[in-house]
Amino acid sequence: MEGVVKRWLDMRGYGFIETDEMEKEVFVHHTGLKNRRSLVMGEKVRFEVQETEKGPKAIDVEVIE
């Protein structure tokens, strides 16, 4: 799935991704990133979705160049 980083809280190490394919924003934690420790608002990303008790979570997140 692809989306755009809507929000990233660097000090907390998490944020949210917006995608046309899902109604809700997708939570992303820094542990779900490939080869990075943070994201930047507005970056385009590709990721997999994992369903959790709290809602969808992005994993295997990589920035699309």
Protein backbone atom coordinates (compact mmCIF):
# COMPACT_ATOMS: atom_id res chain seq x y z
CA MET A 1 0.00 0.00 0.00
CA GLU A 2 1.15 3.57 -0.60
CA GLY A 3 0.45 6.80 1.26
CA VAL A 4 1.76 10.13 2.48
CA VAL A 5 3.11 10.92 5.94
CA LYS A 6 0.48 13.22 7.43
CA ARG A 7 2.13 13.71 10.83
CA TRP A 8 5.42 12.66 12.42
CA LEU A 9 6.31 13.31 16.06
CA ASP A 10 10.08 12.96 16.08
CA MET A 11 10.51 13.12 19.85
CA ARG A 12 7.94 10.33 20.32
CA GLY A 13 9.06 8.21 17.37
CA TYR A 14 5.69 7.74 15.72
CA GLY A 15 3.25 9.32 13.32
CA PHE A 16 0.39 8.73 10.92
CA ILE A 17 0.10 7.94 7.22
CA GLU A 18 -2.80 9.02 5.05
CA THR A 19 -3.83 6.78 2.15
CA ASP A 20 -6.66 6.78 -0.39
CA GLU A 21 -7.24 3.07 0.23
CA MET A 22 -8.25 3.38 3.89
CA GLU A 23 -10.71 5.66 5.65
CA LYS A 24 -8.64 5.96 8.84
CA GLU A 25 -5.08 7.23 9.11
CA VAL A 26 -2.56 4.44 9.62
CA PHE A 27 -0.36 4.57 12.74
CA VAL A 28 3.37 4.14 12.15
CA HIS A 29 6.03 3.57 14.82
CA HIS A 30 9.76 4.02 14.19
CA THR A 31 10.25 0.26 14.74
CA GLY A 32 8.15 -0.35 11.60
CA LEU A 33 10.53 1.62 9.36
CA LYS A 34 13.03 -0.01 7.02
CA ASN A 35 16.56 1.48 7.17
CA ARG A 36 15.42 4.69 8.92
CA ARG A 37 14.62 6.02 12.37
CA SER A 38 12.18 8.78 11.36
CA LEU A 39 9.95 10.17 8.63
CA VAL A 40 9.16 13.68 7.39
CA MET A 41 5.69 15.10 6.90
CA GLY A 42 4.74 14.93 3.21
CA GLU A 43 7.02 12.00 2.31
CA LYS A 44 5.51 9.32 0.08
CA VAL A 45 5.83 5.84 1.55
CA ARG A 46 5.10 2.21 0.72
CA PHE A 47 4.09 -0.13 3.53
CA GLU A 48 2.18 -3.20 4.71
CA VAL A 49 -0.77 -2.94 7.10
CA GLN A 50 -1.03 -4.96 10.29
CA GLU A 51 -4.38 -4.95 12.11
CA THR A 52 -4.04 -4.38 15.86
CA GLU A 53 -6.46 -3.89 18.76
CA LYS A 54 -6.00 -0.13 18.40
CA GLY A 55 -6.45 -0.07 14.62
CA PRO A 56 -4.27 -0.37 11.53
CA LYS A 57 -0.49 -0.13 11.95
CA ALA A 58 2.07 0.36 9.17
CA ILE A 59 4.98 -2.07 9.04
CA ASP A 60 7.87 -2.54 6.58
CA VAL A 61 7.63 1.17 5.76
CA GLU A 62 9.98 2.52 3.11
CA VAL A 63 10.18 5.96 1.51
CA ILE A 64 9.44 6.07 -2.20
CA GLU A 65 12.11 8.13 -3.93
